[in-house]
PDB file of N, CA and C in Angstrom:
ATOM      1  N   MET A   1      -8.113  27.084   9.531  1.00  0.00           N
ATOM      2  CA  MET A   1      -6.936  26.251   9.742  1.00  0.00           C
ATOM      3  C   MET A   1      -7.347  24.850  10.411  1.00  0.00           C
ATOM      4  N   LYS A   2      -8.504  25.088  11.275  1.00  0.00           N
ATOM      5  CA  LYS A   2      -8.793  23.994  12.091  1.00  0.00           C
ATOM      6  C   LYS A   2      -9.518  22.861  11.094  1.00  0.00           C
ATOM      7  N   ASN A   3     -10.201  23.286  10.019  1.00  0.00           N
ATOM      8  CA  ASN A   3     -10.672  22.253   9.325  1.00  0.00           C
ATOM      9  C   ASN A   3      -9.744  21.808   8.265  1.00  0.00           C
ATOM     10  N   ALA A   4      -8.699  22.470   7.917  1.00  0.00           N
ATOM     11  CA  ALA A   4      -7.605  22.058   7.175  1.00  0.00           C
ATOM     12  C   ALA A   4      -6.928  20.853   7.887  1.00  0.00           C
ATOM     13  N   ARG A   5      -6.655  21.031   9.057  1.00  0.00           N
ATOM     14  CA  ARG A   5      -5.993  19.962   9.968  1.00  0.00           C
ATOM     15  C   ARG A   5      -6.744  18.750  10.086  1.00  0.00           C
ATOM     16  N   LEU A   6      -8.085  18.866  10.013  1.00  0.00           N
ATOM     17  CA  LEU A   6      -8.839  17.620  10.075  1.00  0.00           C
ATOM     18  C   LEU A   6      -8.912  16.964   8.738  1.00  0.00           C
ATOM     19  N   THR A   7      -8.874  17.729   7.574  1.00  0.00           N
ATOM     20  CA  THR A   7      -8.624  17.143   6.274  1.00  0.00           C
ATOM     21  C   THR A   7      -7.353  16.373   6.224  1.00  0.00           C
ATOM     22  N   ILE A   8      -6.281  17.021   6.814  1.00  0.00           N
ATOM     23  CA  ILE A   8      -4.918  16.475   6.563  1.00  0.00           C
ATOM     24  C   ILE A   8      -5.032  15.150   7.423  1.00  0.00           C
ATOM     25  N   ILE A   9      -5.500  15.187   8.746  1.00  0.00           N
ATOM     26  CA  ILE A   9      -5.700  13.857   9.403  1.00  0.00           C
ATOM     27  C   ILE A   9      -6.280  12.704   8.724  1.00  0.00           C
ATOM     28  N   LEU A  10      -7.416  12.982   7.997  1.00  0.00           N
ATOM     29  CA  LEU A  10      -8.207  11.972   7.294  1.00  0.00           C
ATOM     30  C   LEU A  10      -7.401  11.373   6.164  1.00  0.00           C
ATOM     31  N   LEU A  11      -6.756  12.368   5.263  1.00  0.00           N
ATOM     32  CA  LEU A  11      -5.990  12.104   4.215  1.00  0.00           C
ATOM     33  C   LEU A  11      -4.689  11.309   4.628  1.00  0.00           C
ATOM     34  N   SER A  12      -3.996  11.698   5.794  1.00  0.00           N
ATOM     35  CA  SER A  12      -2.939  10.987   6.227  1.00  0.00           C
ATOM     36  C   SER A  12      -3.297   9.478   6.646  1.00  0.00           C
ATOM     37  N   ALA A  13      -4.457   9.344   7.289  1.00  0.00           N
ATOM     38  CA  ALA A  13      -4.768   7.900   7.842  1.00  0.00           C
ATOM     39  C   ALA A  13      -5.067   7.195   6.598  1.00  0.00           C
ATOM     40  N   GLY A  14      -5.698   7.729   5.569  1.00  0.00           N
ATOM     41  CA  GLY A  14      -6.042   7.004   4.461  1.00  0.00           C
ATOM     42  C   GLY A  14      -4.756   6.617   3.688  1.00  0.00           C
ATOM     43  N   ALA A  15      -3.699   7.517   3.604  1.00  0.00           N
ATOM     44  CA  ALA A  15      -2.489   7.341   2.923  1.00  0.00           C
ATOM     45  C   ALA A  15      -1.595   6.241   3.702  1.00  0.00           C
ATOM     46  N   ILE A  16      -1.647   6.118   4.890  1.00  0.00           N
ATOM     47  CA  ILE A  16      -0.936   5.076   5.669  1.00  0.00           C
ATOM     48  C   ILE A  16      -1.646   3.801   5.456  1.00  0.00           C
ATOM     49  N   LEU A  17      -2.808   3.755   5.543  1.00  0.00           N
ATOM     50  CA  LEU A  17      -3.583   2.579   5.224  1.00  0.00           C
ATOM     51  C   LEU A  17      -3.378   2.020   3.824  1.00  0.00           C
ATOM     52  N   LEU A  18      -3.039   2.791   2.952  1.00  0.00           N
ATOM     53  CA  LEU A  18      -2.708   2.330   1.482  1.00  0.00           C
ATOM     54  C   LEU A  18      -1.383   1.571   1.357  1.00  0.00           C
ATOM     55  N   ILE A  19      -0.608   1.770   2.333  1.00  0.00           N
ATOM     56  CA  ILE A  19       0.780   1.188   2.297  1.00  0.00           C
ATOM     57  C   ILE A  19       0.587  -0.417   2.362  1.00  0.00           C
ATOM     58  N   PRO A  20      -0.093  -0.938   3.440  1.00  0.00           N
ATOM     59  CA  PRO A  20      -0.187  -2.355   3.530  1.00  0.00           C
ATOM     60  C   PRO A  20      -1.113  -2.758   2.331  1.00  0.00           C
ATOM     61  N   LEU A  21      -2.133  -2.040   1.840  1.00  0.00           N
ATOM     62  CA  LEU A  21      -2.965  -2.555   0.772  1.00  0.00           C
ATOM     63  C   LEU A  21      -2.200  -2.626  -0.410  1.00  0.00           C
ATOM     64  N   ILE A  22      -1.272  -1.867  -0.789  1.00  0.00           N
ATOM     65  CA  ILE A  22      -0.431  -1.992  -1.940  1.00  0.00           C
ATOM     66  C   ILE A  22       0.514  -2.984  -1.700  1.00  0.00           C
ATOM     67  N   ALA A  23       1.098  -3.142  -0.482  1.00  0.00           N
ATOM     68  CA  ALA A  23       2.119  -4.155  -0.333  1.00  0.00           C
ATOM     69  C   ALA A  23       1.467  -5.587  -0.524  1.00  0.00           C
ATOM     70  N   MET A  24       0.152  -5.682  -0.062  1.00  0.00           N
ATOM     71  CA  MET A  24      -0.609  -6.993  -0.221  1.00  0.00           C
ATOM     72  C   MET A  24      -0.596  -7.436  -1.747  1.00  0.00           C
ATOM     73  N   GLN A  25      -0.614  -6.455  -2.661  1.00  0.00           N
ATOM     74  CA  GLN A  25      -0.572  -6.798  -4.018  1.00  0.00           C
ATOM     75  C   GLN A  25       0.537  -7.370  -4.589  1.00  0.00           C
ATOM     76  N   PHE A  26       1.759  -7.071  -4.117  1.00  0.00           N
ATOM     77  CA  PHE A  26       2.983  -7.559  -4.533  1.00  0.00           C
ATOM     78  C   PHE A  26       3.817  -8.471  -3.646  1.00  0.00           C
ATOM     79  N   ASN A  27       3.316  -8.726  -2.383  1.00  0.00           N
ATOM     80  CA  ASN A  27       3.975  -9.591  -1.431  1.00  0.00           C
ATOM     81  C   ASN A  27       3.062 -10.431  -0.694  1.00  0.00           C
ATOM     82  N   SER A  28       3.266 -11.785  -0.615  1.00  0.00           N
ATOM     83  CA  SER A  28       2.411 -12.608   0.110  1.00  0.00           C
ATOM     84  C   SER A  28       2.679 -12.505   1.656  1.00  0.00           C
ATOM     85  N   GLU A  29       3.746 -11.962   2.003  1.00  0.00           N
ATOM     86  CA  GLU A  29       4.032 -11.829   3.564  1.00  0.00           C
ATOM     87  C   GLU A  29       3.286 -10.922   4.170  1.00  0.00           C
ATOM     88  N   VAL A  30       2.502  -9.961   3.542  1.00  0.00           N
ATOM     89  CA  VAL A  30       1.690  -8.825   4.051  1.00  0.00           C
ATOM     90  C   VAL A  30       0.339  -9.403   3.964  1.00  0.00           C
ATOM     91  N   ASP A  31      -0.381  -9.789   4.995  1.00  0.00           N
ATOM     92  CA  ASP A  31      -1.654 -10.478   4.875  1.00  0.00           C
ATOM     93  C   ASP A  31      -2.613  -9.819   5.933  1.00  0.00           C
ATOM     94  N   TRP A  32      -3.250  -8.839   5.631  1.00  0.00           N
ATOM     95  CA  TRP A  32      -4.171  -8.126   6.329  1.00  0.00           C
ATOM     96  C   TRP A  32      -5.503  -8.510   6.001  1.00  0.00           C
ATOM     97  N   SER A  33      -6.545  -8.654   7.034  1.00  0.00           N
ATOM     98  CA  SER A  33      -7.849  -8.923   6.749  1.00  0.00           C
ATOM     99  C   SER A  33      -8.540  -7.539   6.812  1.00  0.00           C
ATOM    100  N   SER A  34      -9.793  -7.551   6.624  1.00  0.00           N
ATOM    101  CA  SER A  34     -10.391  -6.195   6.716  1.00  0.00           C
ATOM    102  C   SER A  34     -10.758  -5.869   8.108  1.00  0.00           C
ATOM    103  N   PHE A  35     -10.484  -6.691   9.030  1.00  0.00           N
ATOM    104  CA  PHE A  35     -10.662  -6.456  10.513  1.00  0.00           C
ATOM    105  C   PHE A  35      -9.208  -5.732  10.813  1.00  0.00           C
ATOM    106  N   ASP A  36      -8.160  -6.119  10.306  1.00  0.00           N
ATOM    107  CA  ASP A  36      -6.922  -5.471  10.573  1.00  0.00           C
ATOM    108  C   ASP A  36      -6.890  -3.924   9.930  1.00  0.00           C
ATOM    109  N   PHE A  37      -7.467  -3.797   8.851  1.00  0.00           N
ATOM    110  CA  PHE A  37      -7.594  -2.373   8.341  1.00  0.00           C
ATOM    111  C   PHE A  37      -8.506  -1.611   9.148  1.00  0.00           C
ATOM    112  N   LEU A  38      -9.654  -2.051   9.701  1.00  0.00           N
ATOM    113  CA  LEU A  38     -10.559  -1.498  10.502  1.00  0.00           C
ATOM    114  C   LEU A  38      -9.863  -1.122  11.794  1.00  0.00           C
ATOM    115  N   ILE A  39      -9.130  -1.954  12.515  1.00  0.00           N
ATOM    116  CA  ILE A  39      -8.497  -1.527  13.628  1.00  0.00           C
ATOM    117  C   ILE A  39      -7.562  -0.595  13.547  1.00  0.00           C
ATOM    118  N   MET A  40      -6.709  -0.600  12.552  1.00  0.00           N
ATOM    119  CA  MET A  40      -5.727   0.284  12.287  1.00  0.00           C
ATOM    120  C   MET A  40      -6.317   1.672  11.806  1.00  0.00           C
ATOM    121  N   GLY A  41      -7.373   1.691  11.154  1.00  0.00           N
ATOM    122  CA  GLY A  41      -8.099   2.933  10.756  1.00  0.00           C
ATOM    123  C   GLY A  41      -8.570   3.565  12.122  1.00  0.00           C
ATOM    124  N   ILE A  42      -8.998   2.812  12.985  1.00  0.00           N
ATOM    125  CA  ILE A  42      -9.622   3.392  14.154  1.00  0.00           C
ATOM    126  C   ILE A  42      -8.435   3.858  15.032  1.00  0.00           C
ATOM    127  N   LEU A  43      -7.216   3.211  14.960  1.00  0.00           N
ATOM    128  CA  LEU A  43      -6.132   3.798  15.825  1.00  0.00           C
ATOM    129  C   LEU A  43      -5.696   5.060  15.233  1.00  0.00           C
ATOM    130  N   LEU A  44      -5.472   5.061  13.909  1.00  0.00           N
ATOM    131  CA  LEU A  44      -4.814   6.268  13.239  1.00  0.00           C
ATOM    132  C   LEU A  44      -5.795   7.469  13.357  1.00  0.00           C
ATOM    133  N   LEU A  45      -7.138   7.169  13.058  1.00  0.00           N
ATOM    134  CA  LEU A  45      -7.993   8.387  13.121  1.00  0.00           C
ATOM    135  C   LEU A  45      -8.186   8.867  14.629  1.00  0.00           C
ATOM    136  N   GLY A  46      -8.207   7.744  15.618  1.00  0.00           N
ATOM    137  CA  GLY A  46      -8.372   8.099  17.111  1.00  0.00           C
ATOM    138  C   GLY A  46      -7.250   9.110  17.546  1.00  0.00           C
ATOM    139  N   SER A  47      -6.007   8.569  17.101  1.00  0.00           N
ATOM    140  CA  SER A  47      -4.750   9.245  17.649  1.00  0.00           C
ATOM    141  C   SER A  47      -4.708  10.664  16.823  1.00  0.00           C
ATOM    142  N   GLY A  48      -5.135  10.720  15.725  1.00  0.00           N
ATOM    143  CA  GLY A  48      -5.147  11.883  14.956  1.00  0.00           C
ATOM    144  C   GLY A  48      -6.028  12.932  15.527  1.00  0.00           C
ATOM    145  N   LEU A  49      -7.246  12.479  15.837  1.00  0.00           N
ATOM    146  CA  LEU A  49      -8.326  13.334  16.506  1.00  0.00           C
ATOM    147  C   LEU A  49      -7.823  13.713  17.875  1.00  0.00           C
ATOM    148  N   ALA A  50      -7.144  12.864  18.550  1.00  0.00           N
ATOM    149  CA  ALA A  50      -6.756  13.131  19.945  1.00  0.00           C
ATOM    150  C   ALA A  50      -5.783  14.380  19.960  1.00  0.00           C
ATOM    151  N   ILE A  51      -4.908  14.157  19.011  1.00  0.00           N
ATOM    152  CA  ILE A  51      -3.891  15.302  18.813  1.00  0.00           C
ATOM    153  C   ILE A  51      -4.431  16.474  18.391  1.00  0.00           C
ATOM    154  N   GLU A  52      -5.539  16.411  17.592  1.00  0.00           N
ATOM    155  CA  GLU A  52      -6.165  17.621  17.155  1.00  0.00           C
ATOM    156  C   GLU A  52      -6.882  18.321  18.368  1.00  0.00           C
ATOM    157  N   PHE A  53      -7.500  17.539  19.242  1.00  0.00           N
ATOM    158  CA  PHE A  53      -7.968  17.993  20.478  1.00  0.00           C
ATOM    159  C   PHE A  53      -6.818  18.597  21.348  1.00  0.00           C
ATOM    160  N   ALA A  54      -5.811  17.809  21.420  1.00  0.00           N
ATOM    161  CA  ALA A  54      -4.646  18.476  22.406  1.00  0.00           C
ATOM    162  C   ALA A  54      -4.218  19.935  21.883  1.00  0.00           C
ATOM    163  N   LEU A  55      -4.135  19.940  20.487  1.00  0.00           N
ATOM    164  CA  LEU A  55      -3.618  21.303  19.868  1.00  0.00           C
ATOM    165  C   LEU A  55      -4.764  22.171  20.193  1.00  0.00           C
ATOM    166  N   ARG A  56      -5.882  21.984  20.219  1.00  0.00           N
ATOM    167  CA  ARG A  56      -7.024  22.955  20.442  1.00  0.00           C
ATOM    168  C   ARG A  56      -7.092  23.244  22.044  1.00  0.00           C
ATOM    169  N   LYS A  57      -6.802  22.331  22.846  1.00  0.00           N
ATOM    170  CA  LYS A  57      -7.117  22.523  24.219  1.00  0.00           C
ATOM    171  C   LYS A  57      -6.100  23.159  24.830  1.00  0.00           C
ATOM    172  N   PHE A  58      -4.718  22.808  24.647  1.00  0.00           N
ATOM    173  CA  PHE A  58      -3.569  23.264  25.370  1.00  0.00           C
ATOM    174  C   PHE A  58      -2.981  24.588  24.533  1.00  0.00           C
ATOM    175  N   SER A  59      -2.689  25.586  25.213  1.00  0.00           N
ATOM    176  CA  SER A  59      -2.166  26.882  24.690  1.00  0.00           C
ATOM    177  C   SER A  59      -0.508  27.025  24.531  1.00  0.00           C
ATOM    178  N   THR A  60       0.153  26.354  25.494  1.00  0.00           N
ATOM    179  CA  THR A  60       1.546  26.604  25.483  1.00  0.00           C
ATOM    180  C   THR A  60       2.105  25.418  24.640  1.00  0.00           C
ATOM    181  N   ILE A  61       3.286  25.720  24.042  1.00  0.00           N
ATOM    182  CA  ILE A  61       4.024  24.761  23.172  1.00  0.00           C
ATOM    183  C   ILE A  61       4.379  23.545  23.884  1.00  0.00           C
ATOM    184  N   ARG A  62       4.930  23.833  25.249  1.00  0.00           N
ATOM    185  CA  ARG A  62       5.385  22.737  26.077  1.00  0.00           C
ATOM    186  C   ARG A  62       4.285  21.765  26.441  1.00  0.00           C
ATOM    187  N   SER A  63       3.277  22.256  26.781  1.00  0.00           N
ATOM    188  CA  SER A  63       2.012  21.288  26.954  1.00  0.00           C
ATOM    189  C   SER A  63       1.452  20.599  25.760  1.00  0.00           C
ATOM    190  N   ARG A  64       1.511  21.223  24.791  1.00  0.00           N
ATOM    191  CA  ARG A  64       1.129  20.603  23.327  1.00  0.00           C
ATOM    192  C   ARG A  64       2.092  19.499  23.173  1.00  0.00           C
ATOM    193  N   ILE A  65       3.306  19.626  23.176  1.00  0.00           N
ATOM    194  CA  ILE A  65       4.360  18.741  22.908  1.00  0.00           C
ATOM    195  C   ILE A  65       4.128  17.591  23.874  1.00  0.00           C
ATOM    196  N   ILE A  66       4.136  17.705  25.060  1.00  0.00           N
ATOM    197  CA  ILE A  66       3.967  16.788  25.966  1.00  0.00           C
ATOM    198  C   ILE A  66       2.761  15.876  25.816  1.00  0.00           C
ATOM    199  N   ALA A  67       1.456  16.520  25.367  1.00  0.00           N
ATOM    200  CA  ALA A  67       0.404  15.759  25.359  1.00  0.00           C
ATOM    201  C   ALA A  67       0.410  15.033  23.989  1.00  0.00           C
ATOM    202  N   CYS A  68       0.845  15.528  22.805  1.00  0.00           N
ATOM    203  CA  CYS A  68       1.083  14.774  21.698  1.00  0.00           C
ATOM    204  C   CYS A  68       2.054  13.663  21.678  1.00  0.00           C
ATOM    205  N   GLY A  69       3.057  13.874  22.531  1.00  0.00           N
ATOM    206  CA  GLY A  69       4.015  12.811  22.714  1.00  0.00           C
ATOM    207  C   GLY A  69       3.587  11.562  23.501  1.00  0.00           C
ATOM    208  N   MET A  70       2.652  11.840  24.520  1.00  0.00           N
ATOM    209  CA  MET A  70       1.927  10.943  25.157  1.00  0.00           C
ATOM    210  C   MET A  70       1.010  10.192  24.217  1.00  0.00           C
ATOM    211  N   ILE A  71       0.308  10.950  23.453  1.00  0.00           N
ATOM    212  CA  ILE A  71      -0.651  10.215  22.522  1.00  0.00           C
ATOM    213  C   ILE A  71       0.090   9.263  21.490  1.00  0.00           C
ATOM    214  N   LEU A  72       1.196   9.865  20.997  1.00  0.00           N
ATOM    215  CA  LEU A  72       1.882   9.019  19.952  1.00  0.00           C
ATOM    216  C   LEU A  72       2.468   7.839  20.632  1.00  0.00           C
ATOM    217  N   ALA A  73       3.090   7.957  21.954  1.00  0.00           N
ATOM    218  CA  ALA A  73       3.613   6.873  22.668  1.00  0.00           C
ATOM    219  C   ALA A  73       2.487   5.854  22.947  1.00  0.00           C
ATOM    220  N   ALA A  74       1.207   6.154  23.228  1.00  0.00           N
ATOM    221  CA  ALA A  74       0.149   5.114  23.453  1.00  0.00           C
ATOM    222  C   ALA A  74      -0.158   4.614  22.121  1.00  0.00           C
ATOM    223  N   LEU A  75      -0.072   5.378  21.097  1.00  0.00           N
ATOM    224  CA  LEU A  75      -0.379   4.879  19.676  1.00  0.00           C
ATOM    225  C   LEU A  75       0.496   3.671  19.422  1.00  0.00           C
ATOM    226  N   PHE A  76       1.987   3.914  19.619  1.00  0.00           N
ATOM    227  CA  PHE A  76       2.926   2.987  19.211  1.00  0.00           C
ATOM    228  C   PHE A  76       2.902   1.738  20.146  1.00  0.00           C
ATOM    229  N   LEU A  77       2.645   1.878  21.312  1.00  0.00           N
ATOM    230  CA  LEU A  77       2.570   0.798  22.316  1.00  0.00           C
ATOM    231  C   LEU A  77       1.317  -0.050  21.774  1.00  0.00           C
ATOM    232  N   ILE A  78       0.187   0.456  21.771  1.00  0.00           N
ATOM    233  CA  ILE A  78      -0.795  -0.353  21.221  1.00  0.00           C
ATOM    234  C   ILE A  78      -0.533  -1.066  19.886  1.00  0.00           C
ATOM    235  N   TRP A  79      -0.014  -0.355  18.905  1.00  0.00           N
ATOM    236  CA  TRP A  79       0.314  -0.969  17.573  1.00  0.00           C
ATOM    237  C   TRP A  79       1.294  -2.123  17.731  1.00  0.00           C
ATOM    238  N   ALA A  80       2.294  -1.874  18.576  1.00  0.00           N
ATOM    239  CA  ALA A  80       3.313  -2.978  18.803  1.00  0.00           C
ATOM    240  C   ALA A  80       2.666  -4.215  19.504  1.00  0.00           C
ATOM    241  N   GLU A  81       1.839  -3.911  20.504  1.00  0.00           N
ATOM    242  CA  GLU A  81       1.267  -4.890  21.113  1.00  0.00           C
ATOM    243  C   GLU A  81       0.268  -5.673  20.340  1.00  0.00           C
ATOM    244  N   LEU A  82      -0.450  -5.188  19.311  1.00  0.00           N
ATOM    245  CA  LEU A  82      -1.251  -5.801  18.557  1.00  0.00           C
ATOM    246  C   LEU A  82      -0.559  -6.662  17.469  1.00  0.00           C
ATOM    247  N   SER A  83       0.621  -6.055  16.865  1.00  0.00           N
ATOM    248  CA  SER A  83       1.444  -6.636  16.001  1.00  0.00           C
ATOM    249  C   SER A  83       2.209  -7.768  16.476  1.00  0.00           C
ATOM    250  N   VAL A  84       2.972  -7.649  17.555  1.00  0.00           N
ATOM    251  CA  VAL A  84       3.893  -8.827  17.900  1.00  0.00           C
ATOM    252  C   VAL A  84       3.735  -9.110  19.364  1.00  0.00           C
ATOM    253  N   GLY A  85       2.862  -8.549  20.200  1.00  0.00           N
ATOM    254  CA  GLY A  85       2.666  -8.834  21.520  1.00  0.00           C
ATOM    255  C   GLY A  85       3.793  -8.614  22.427  1.00  0.00           C
ATOM    256  N   ILE A  86       4.321  -7.313  22.465  1.00  0.00           N
ATOM    257  CA  ILE A  86       5.579  -7.004  23.412  1.00  0.00           C
ATOM    258  C   ILE A  86       5.338  -7.017  24.965  1.00  0.00           C
ATOM    259  N   ILE A  87       3.861  -6.761  25.253  1.00  0.00           N
ATOM    260  CA  ILE A  87       3.674  -6.812  26.564  1.00  0.00           C
ATOM    261  C   ILE A  87       3.013  -8.360  27.101  1.00  0.00           C
ATOM    262  N   GLY A  88       2.356  -8.963  26.133  1.00  0.00           N
ATOM    263  CA  GLY A  88       1.838 -10.300  26.495  1.00  0.00           C
ATOM    264  C   GLY A  88       0.418 -10.268  26.908  1.00  0.00           C
ATOM    265  N   THR A  89      -0.475  -9.320  26.500  1.00  0.00           N
ATOM    266  CA  THR A  89      -1.759  -9.284  26.934  1.00  0.00           C
ATOM    267  C   THR A  89      -2.572 -10.210  26.067  1.00  0.00           C
ATOM    268  N   SER A  90      -3.786 -10.373  26.286  1.00  0.00           N
ATOM    269  CA  SER A  90      -4.657 -11.302  25.669  1.00  0.00           C
ATOM    270  C   SER A  90      -5.076 -10.806  24.225  1.00  0.00           C
ATOM    271  N   PHE A  91      -5.054  -9.533  23.794  1.00  0.00           N
ATOM    272  CA  PHE A  91      -5.333  -9.211  22.581  1.00  0.00           C
ATOM    273  C   PHE A  91      -4.034  -8.970  21.653  1.00  0.00           C
ATOM    274  N   ALA A  92      -2.998  -9.593  21.971  1.00  0.00           N
ATOM    275  CA  ALA A  92      -1.666  -9.609  21.183  1.00  0.00           C
ATOM    276  C   ALA A  92      -1.972 -10.309  19.935  1.00  0.00           C
ATOM    277  N   GLY A  93      -1.175  -9.898  19.007  1.00  0.00           N
ATOM    278  CA  GLY A  93      -1.247 -10.468  17.665  1.00  0.00           C
ATOM    279  C   GLY A  93      -0.507 -11.791  17.610  1.00  0.00           C
ATOM    280  N   SER A  94      -0.485 -12.623  16.543  1.00  0.00           N
ATOM    281  CA  SER A  94       0.207 -13.922  16.579  1.00  0.00           C
ATOM    282  C   SER A  94       1.346 -13.755  15.717  1.00  0.00           C
TER     283      SER A  94
END
């Protein structure tokens, strides 16, 4: 089961990255560079592996839900900051 989850994480990250790649073929408003794909791939794989680690490390359902929720909240916060700059840090997108 543990190896199956890792395979699902890798396939899910690849499938999510296919969405902007396909959108770039049909729409000029989606303009990702290879650096954008690299950063988003790192974010998706990092959060997926962090969730996998949390599922292996914590034994109770409550602690797993809290850990996974915190990981997903961090992912969404970083993603929003990189895309539109909601916090206003120096690495915010334009």
